[in-house]
Amino acid sequence: MKSKSYPSGAVVYEIPYFVDARGALNVLEISKELPFECKRIFYTYTVPDGQVRGEHAHKKCEQFLISLLGRVSVLVDDGCGHRDEILLDSPSKGLWLPSGCWGEQSGHSQDCILLVLASAEYDNDDYIRVYNEFLKWKKELGQ
């Protein structure tokens, strides 16, 4: 699977796809192509215009985002001066957010369905929900 790395630590993967007379098929073999073992799957949809989702970082959990339908812009920030805005507009593109990255999703198209694969089950203590606390946490880590 081809990938493109960003200074923030995010990586965009090209997800293999196949097209024939019956339509298109994307395949993500979790043990081969996903950069972590998946423990949780969720998806967002019908996000109102102007609404921002995410707005947090994880201390340990990693995430892999795929826009199954429509488009969404993802802001990724490593807390060390690297910020990238990445457009997810194809089910053939997956965005890996490693732990320790701040992520925000905005600009959802009305038809957007965003699939998220996570490396851990939900744990409220793993979340950093205030940006200034995220920066403080990164500084304490020496990053």
C-alpha atoms as a PDB file:
ATOM      1  CA  MET A   1       0.000   0.000   0.000  1.00  0.00           C
ATOM      2  CA  LYS A   2       1.488   3.352  -1.046  1.00  0.00           C
ATOM      3  CA  SER A   3       1.650   6.083   1.568  1.00  0.00           C
ATOM      4  CA  LYS A   4       2.538   9.739   2.048  1.00  0.00           C
ATOM      5  CA  SER A   5       3.887  10.999   5.390  1.00  0.00           C
ATOM      6  CA  TYR A   6       3.265  14.483   6.782  1.00  0.00           C
ATOM      7  CA  PRO A   7       5.400  16.504   9.256  1.00  0.00           C
ATOM      8  CA  SER A   8       2.611  16.228  11.849  1.00  0.00           C
ATOM      9  CA  GLY A   9       3.103  12.453  11.950  1.00  0.00           C
ATOM     10  CA  ALA A  10      -0.039  11.660   9.977  1.00  0.00           C
ATOM     11  CA  VAL A  11       0.265   9.234   7.090  1.00  0.00           C
ATOM     12  CA  VAL A  12      -2.128   8.936   4.140  1.00  0.00           C
ATOM     13  CA  TYR A  13      -2.409   5.446   2.673  1.00  0.00           C
ATOM     14  CA  GLU A  14      -3.769   4.546  -0.746  1.00  0.00           C
ATOM     15  CA  ILE A  15      -6.187   1.697  -0.078  1.00  0.00           C
ATOM     16  CA  PRO A  16      -6.188  -0.966  -2.803  1.00  0.00           C
ATOM     17  CA  TYR A  17      -9.249  -0.926  -5.022  1.00  0.00           C
ATOM     18  CA  PHE A  18     -10.584  -2.909  -7.914  1.00  0.00           C
ATOM     19  CA  VAL A  19     -13.096  -1.841 -10.540  1.00  0.00           C
ATOM     20  CA  ASP A  20     -14.996  -3.969 -13.021  1.00  0.00           C
ATOM     21  CA  ALA A  21     -18.431  -4.016 -14.652  1.00  0.00           C
ATOM     22  CA  ARG A  22     -20.036  -4.755 -11.266  1.00  0.00           C
ATOM     23  CA  GLY A  23     -18.623  -1.614  -9.648  1.00  0.00           C
ATOM     24  CA  ALA A  24     -15.755  -0.776  -7.308  1.00  0.00           C
ATOM     25  CA  LEU A  25     -14.357  -2.695  -4.354  1.00  0.00           C
ATOM     26  CA  ASN A  26     -11.861  -1.401  -1.794  1.00  0.00           C
ATOM     27  CA  VAL A  27     -10.064  -3.837   0.475  1.00  0.00           C
ATOM     28  CA  LEU A  28      -8.160  -3.206   3.688  1.00  0.00           C
ATOM     29  CA  GLU A  29      -6.633  -6.391   5.045  1.00  0.00           C
ATOM     30  CA  ILE A  30      -6.251  -5.490   8.677  1.00  0.00           C
ATOM     31  CA  SER A  31      -3.315  -7.772   9.427  1.00  0.00           C
ATOM     32  CA  LYS A  32      -1.413  -6.600   6.331  1.00  0.00           C
ATOM     33  CA  GLU A  33      -2.228  -2.950   5.662  1.00  0.00           C
ATOM     34  CA  LEU A  34      -3.504  -1.371   8.865  1.00  0.00           C
ATOM     35  CA  PRO A  35      -0.603   0.023  10.946  1.00  0.00           C
ATOM     36  CA  PHE A  36      -2.104  -1.364  14.200  1.00  0.00           C
ATOM     37  CA  GLU A  37      -4.451  -4.058  15.483  1.00  0.00           C
ATOM     38  CA  CYS A  38      -8.038  -2.786  15.288  1.00  0.00           C
ATOM     39  CA  LYS A  39     -10.035  -2.946  18.541  1.00  0.00           C
ATOM     40  CA  ARG A  40     -12.919  -0.574  17.776  1.00  0.00           C
ATOM     41  CA  ILE A  41     -14.829   0.689  14.728  1.00  0.00           C
ATOM     42  CA  PHE A  42     -17.186   3.648  14.558  1.00  0.00           C
ATOM     43  CA  TYR A  43     -18.476   6.059  11.952  1.00  0.00           C
ATOM     44  CA  THR A  44     -19.943   9.546  11.835  1.00  0.00           C
ATOM     45  CA  TYR A  45     -22.544  10.875   9.407  1.00  0.00           C
ATOM     46  CA  THR A  46     -25.187  13.604   9.046  1.00  0.00           C
ATOM     47  CA  VAL A  47     -22.754  16.081  10.595  1.00  0.00           C
ATOM     48  CA  PRO A  48     -24.427  19.533  10.486  1.00  0.00           C
ATOM     49  CA  ASP A  49     -22.853  22.291   8.366  1.00  0.00           C
ATOM     50  CA  GLY A  50     -20.118  24.089  10.264  1.00  0.00           C
ATOM     51  CA  GLN A  51     -19.830  21.424  12.977  1.00  0.00           C
ATOM     52  CA  VAL A  52     -16.325  20.350  14.005  1.00  0.00           C
ATOM     53  CA  ARG A  53     -15.752  16.814  15.294  1.00  0.00           C
ATOM     54  CA  GLY A  54     -12.749  15.275  16.959  1.00  0.00           C
ATOM     55  CA  GLU A  55     -11.020  18.177  18.685  1.00  0.00           C
ATOM     56  CA  HIS A  56      -8.909  15.879  20.817  1.00  0.00           C
ATOM     57  CA  ALA A  57      -5.728  13.827  20.987  1.00  0.00           C
ATOM     58  CA  HIS A  58      -5.126  10.337  22.304  1.00  0.00           C
ATOM     59  CA  LYS A  59      -2.265   9.458  24.611  1.00  0.00           C
ATOM     60  CA  LYS A  60      -2.097   5.843  23.388  1.00  0.00           C
ATOM     61  CA  CYS A  61      -4.861   5.107  20.876  1.00  0.00           C
ATOM     62  CA  GLU A  62      -4.142   5.255  17.142  1.00  0.00           C
ATOM     63  CA  GLN A  63      -6.827   5.874  14.533  1.00  0.00           C
ATOM     64  CA  PHE A  64      -7.290   5.212  10.817  1.00  0.00           C
ATOM     65  CA  LEU A  65      -9.874   7.427   9.077  1.00  0.00           C
ATOM     66  CA  ILE A  66     -11.600   6.701   5.759  1.00  0.00           C
ATOM     67  CA  SER A  67     -14.264   8.849   4.130  1.00  0.00           C
ATOM     68  CA  LEU A  68     -16.507   6.145   2.731  1.00  0.00           C
ATOM     69  CA  LEU A  69     -18.757   8.725   1.071  1.00  0.00           C
ATOM     70  CA  GLY A  70     -18.342  12.446   0.541  1.00  0.00           C
ATOM     71  CA  ARG A  71     -15.474  14.511   1.851  1.00  0.00           C
ATOM     72  CA  VAL A  72     -14.078  15.882   5.103  1.00  0.00           C
ATOM     73  CA  SER A  73     -11.048  17.973   6.002  1.00  0.00           C
ATOM     74  CA  VAL A  74      -8.844  16.677   8.823  1.00  0.00           C
ATOM     75  CA  LEU A  75      -6.513  18.994  10.736  1.00  0.00           C
ATOM     76  CA  VAL A  76      -3.620  17.092  12.323  1.00  0.00           C
ATOM     77  CA  ASP A  77      -1.280  18.772  14.816  1.00  0.00           C
ATOM     78  CA  ASP A  78       1.706  17.135  16.532  1.00  0.00           C
ATOM     79  CA  GLY A  79       1.917  19.814  19.242  1.00  0.00           C
ATOM     80  CA  CYS A  80       5.469  20.649  18.166  1.00  0.00           C
ATOM     81  CA  GLY A  81       4.730  23.154  15.412  1.00  0.00           C
ATOM     82  CA  HIS A  82       3.682  20.800  12.629  1.00  0.00           C
ATOM     83  CA  ARG A  83       0.086  21.155  11.424  1.00  0.00           C
ATOM     84  CA  ASP A  84      -1.340  19.588   8.303  1.00  0.00           C
ATOM     85  CA  GLU A  85      -4.784  19.829   6.762  1.00  0.00           C
ATOM     86  CA  ILE A  86      -5.641  16.689   4.826  1.00  0.00           C
ATOM     87  CA  LEU A  87      -8.685  16.245   2.613  1.00  0.00           C
ATOM     88  CA  LEU A  88     -10.309  12.823   2.722  1.00  0.00           C
ATOM     89  CA  ASP A  89     -12.469  12.612  -0.389  1.00  0.00           C
ATOM     90  CA  SER A  90     -12.188   9.024  -1.560  1.00  0.00           C
ATOM     91  CA  PRO A  91     -12.794   5.577  -0.049  1.00  0.00           C
ATOM     92  CA  SER A  92      -9.397   4.686  -1.555  1.00  0.00           C
ATOM     93  CA  LYS A  93      -7.581   7.011   0.860  1.00  0.00           C
ATOM     94  CA  GLY A  94      -6.995   6.247   4.545  1.00  0.00           C
ATOM     95  CA  LEU A  95      -5.448   8.602   7.096  1.00  0.00           C
ATOM     96  CA  TRP A  96      -3.431   7.156   9.974  1.00  0.00           C
ATOM     97  CA  LEU A  97      -3.345   9.326  13.084  1.00  0.00           C
ATOM     98  CA  PRO A  98      -0.699   7.975  15.453  1.00  0.00           C
ATOM     99  CA  SER A  99      -1.102   8.474  19.181  1.00  0.00           C
ATOM    100  CA  GLY A 100      -0.049  11.910  20.398  1.00  0.00           C
ATOM    101  CA  CYS A 101      -1.587  13.794  17.454  1.00  0.00           C
ATOM    102  CA  TRP A 102      -4.363  16.346  17.819  1.00  0.00           C
ATOM    103  CA  GLY A 103      -7.131  15.782  15.268  1.00  0.00           C
ATOM    104  CA  GLU A 104     -10.110  17.837  14.121  1.00  0.00           C
ATOM    105  CA  GLN A 105     -12.572  17.033  11.350  1.00  0.00           C
ATOM    106  CA  SER A 106     -14.461  19.859   9.631  1.00  0.00           C
ATOM    107  CA  GLY A 107     -16.041  20.826   6.331  1.00  0.00           C
ATOM    108  CA  HIS A 108     -18.053  17.623   6.090  1.00  0.00           C
ATOM    109  CA  SER A 109     -20.053  17.309   2.890  1.00  0.00           C
ATOM    110  CA  GLN A 110     -23.730  16.602   3.539  1.00  0.00           C
ATOM    111  CA  ASP A 111     -23.292  12.997   2.398  1.00  0.00           C
ATOM    112  CA  CYS A 112     -20.074  12.327   4.319  1.00  0.00           C
ATOM    113  CA  ILE A 113     -19.715   9.012   6.110  1.00  0.00           C
ATOM    114  CA  LEU A 114     -16.426   8.909   8.014  1.00  0.00           C
ATOM    115  CA  LEU A 115     -15.258   5.472   9.165  1.00  0.00           C
ATOM    116  CA  VAL A 116     -12.760   5.308  12.028  1.00  0.00           C
ATOM    117  CA  LEU A 117     -10.768   2.215  12.998  1.00  0.00           C
ATOM    118  CA  ALA A 118      -9.151   2.513  16.442  1.00  0.00           C
ATOM    119  CA  SER A 119      -6.354   0.578  18.120  1.00  0.00           C
ATOM    120  CA  ALA A 120      -8.102   0.575  21.511  1.00  0.00           C
ATOM    121  CA  GLU A 121     -11.524   0.289  23.033  1.00  0.00           C
ATOM    122  CA  TYR A 122     -13.042   3.517  24.356  1.00  0.00           C
ATOM    123  CA  ASP A 123     -11.148   4.859  27.392  1.00  0.00           C
ATOM    124  CA  ASN A 124     -12.042   8.361  28.535  1.00  0.00           C
ATOM    125  CA  ASP A 125      -8.678   8.678  30.337  1.00  0.00           C
ATOM    126  CA  ASP A 126      -6.843   8.313  27.005  1.00  0.00           C
ATOM    127  CA  TYR A 127      -8.388  11.533  25.647  1.00  0.00           C
ATOM    128  CA  ILE A 128      -6.942  15.036  25.862  1.00  0.00           C
ATOM    129  CA  ARG A 129      -9.852  17.324  24.968  1.00  0.00           C
ATOM    130  CA  VAL A 130      -8.384  20.786  25.602  1.00  0.00           C
ATOM    131  CA  TYR A 131      -5.756  21.982  23.125  1.00  0.00           C
ATOM    132  CA  ASN A 132      -3.646  23.876  25.688  1.00  0.00           C
ATOM    133  CA  GLU A 133      -3.576  20.765  27.899  1.00  0.00           C
ATOM    134  CA  PHE A 134      -2.422  18.790  24.844  1.00  0.00           C
ATOM    135  CA  LEU A 135       0.471  21.254  24.326  1.00  0.00           C
ATOM    136  CA  LYS A 136       1.389  21.013  28.013  1.00  0.00           C
ATOM    137  CA  TRP A 137       1.307  17.191  27.835  1.00  0.00           C
ATOM    138  CA  LYS A 138       3.597  17.196  24.777  1.00  0.00           C
ATOM    139  CA  LYS A 139       6.012  19.550  26.545  1.00  0.00           C
ATOM    140  CA  GLU A 140       6.064  17.278  29.612  1.00  0.00           C
ATOM    141  CA  LEU A 141       6.974  14.381  27.311  1.00  0.00           C
ATOM    142  CA  GLY A 142       9.907  16.417  26.043  1.00  0.00           C
ATOM    143  CA  GLN A 143       8.553  16.693  22.524  1.00  0.00           C
END
